[in-house]
């Protein structure tokens, strides 16, 4: 039986969106790491460093976005919403800076 009062049930759309977007971001980070590593020296160590830096950036973004946005996410997950989660993972510092100027209430 699904509990309407269960906090995880209420966050199901945000959890699904973030999990799928994070999975896709790992693949994108691997591709970017490979491309930039090949471009700047064709060195395996450089590719790994770029990939690791991108992973840290995306995982940190996932944590920050989930903490800031998840409780407000009530719409069902659609391809458009998933694309928004994915894009948000890559531009999350800008979203935080833009949100600081917004009025509270």
Protein backbone atom coordinates (compact mmCIF):
# COMPACT_ATOMS: atom_id res chain seq x y z
CA UNK A 1 0.00 0.00 0.00
CA UNK A 2 1.39 3.40 -0.97
CA UNK A 3 1.51 5.85 1.89
CA UNK A 4 0.58 9.37 0.84
CA UNK A 5 2.33 10.69 3.98
CA UNK A 6 5.62 8.98 3.16
CA UNK A 7 8.25 11.66 2.44
CA UNK A 8 9.97 9.49 -0.18
CA UNK A 9 6.68 8.99 -1.97
CA UNK A 10 6.22 12.75 -2.11
CA UNK A 11 9.73 13.12 -3.55
CA UNK A 12 9.36 10.34 -6.12
CA UNK A 13 9.34 12.65 -9.15
CA UNK A 14 12.39 14.55 -7.96
CA UNK A 15 14.22 11.34 -7.02
CA UNK A 16 13.54 9.76 -10.39
CA UNK A 17 14.47 12.89 -12.32
CA UNK A 18 17.68 13.41 -10.40
CA UNK A 19 18.74 9.77 -10.58
CA UNK A 20 18.23 9.50 -14.33
CA UNK A 21 19.83 12.91 -14.98
CA UNK A 22 22.81 11.95 -12.81
CA UNK A 23 23.23 8.66 -14.69
CA UNK A 24 23.15 10.49 -18.03
CA UNK A 25 25.57 13.10 -16.67
CA UNK A 26 28.09 10.40 -15.79
CA UNK A 27 28.03 9.26 -19.41
CA UNK A 28 28.29 12.85 -20.67
CA UNK A 29 31.21 13.52 -18.30
CA UNK A 30 33.03 10.47 -19.65
CA UNK A 31 32.56 11.68 -23.21
CA UNK A 32 33.68 15.23 -22.38
CA UNK A 33 36.66 13.89 -20.45
CA UNK A 34 37.71 11.79 -23.41
CA UNK A 35 37.27 14.62 -25.92
CA UNK A 36 39.08 17.24 -23.84
CA UNK A 37 41.80 14.77 -22.85
CA UNK A 38 42.43 13.95 -26.49
CA UNK A 39 42.35 17.62 -27.44
CA UNK A 40 44.84 18.74 -24.79
CA UNK A 41 47.45 16.03 -24.90
CA UNK A 42 46.08 12.57 -25.64
CA UNK A 43 47.05 11.46 -22.16
CA UNK A 44 45.09 8.89 -20.17
CA UNK A 45 45.89 10.61 -16.87
CA UNK A 46 44.54 13.91 -18.17
CA UNK A 47 41.33 12.26 -19.37
CA UNK A 48 40.84 10.66 -15.95
CA UNK A 49 41.49 13.95 -14.15
CA UNK A 50 38.98 15.81 -16.34
CA UNK A 51 36.42 13.03 -15.88
CA UNK A 52 36.92 13.01 -12.10
CA UNK A 53 36.59 16.79 -11.88
CA UNK A 54 33.40 16.70 -13.93
CA UNK A 55 32.00 13.91 -11.75
CA UNK A 56 32.67 15.88 -8.58
CA UNK A 57 31.04 18.93 -10.15
CA UNK A 58 27.92 17.02 -11.25
CA UNK A 59 27.51 15.03 -8.03
CA UNK A 60 27.88 18.22 -5.97
CA UNK A 61 25.30 19.83 -8.25
CA UNK A 62 22.95 16.90 -7.75
CA UNK A 63 23.18 17.21 -3.98
CA UNK A 64 22.68 20.99 -4.00
CA UNK A 65 19.81 20.91 -6.48
CA UNK A 66 18.05 18.07 -4.74
CA UNK A 67 18.28 19.87 -1.40
CA UNK A 68 17.00 23.14 -2.89
CA UNK A 69 14.40 21.95 -5.38
CA UNK A 70 13.16 18.46 -4.54
CA UNK A 71 10.46 19.43 -2.05
CA UNK A 72 8.86 21.70 -4.66
CA UNK A 73 8.94 19.17 -7.50
CA UNK A 74 5.46 17.68 -7.75
CA UNK A 75 4.91 17.34 -11.49
CA UNK A 76 5.31 13.90 -13.07
CA UNK A 77 8.59 13.10 -14.79
CA UNK A 78 8.37 13.70 -18.53
CA UNK A 79 11.14 13.88 -21.16
CA UNK A 80 11.01 17.67 -20.92
CA UNK A 81 11.32 17.62 -17.12
CA UNK A 82 14.18 15.14 -17.41
CA UNK A 83 15.96 17.46 -19.86
CA UNK A 84 15.49 20.28 -17.35
CA UNK A 85 17.02 18.20 -14.55
CA UNK A 86 19.91 17.24 -16.83
CA UNK A 87 20.60 20.83 -17.90
CA UNK A 88 20.29 21.99 -14.30
CA UNK A 89 23.02 19.58 -13.22
CA UNK A 90 25.45 21.27 -15.58
CA UNK A 91 24.57 24.90 -14.82
CA UNK A 92 23.75 24.61 -11.13
CA UNK A 93 26.10 27.37 -9.86
CA UNK A 94 24.33 29.88 -12.11
CA UNK A 95 20.97 28.72 -10.81
CA UNK A 96 22.11 29.22 -7.23
CA UNK A 97 23.44 32.70 -7.96
CA UNK A 98 20.23 33.63 -9.77
CA UNK A 99 18.18 32.31 -6.87
CA UNK A 100 19.98 34.49 -4.33
CA UNK A 101 18.57 37.63 -5.90
CA UNK A 102 14.99 36.32 -5.93
CA UNK A 103 12.66 37.58 -3.20
CA UNK A 104 11.84 35.09 -0.47
CA UNK A 105 8.28 34.25 0.29
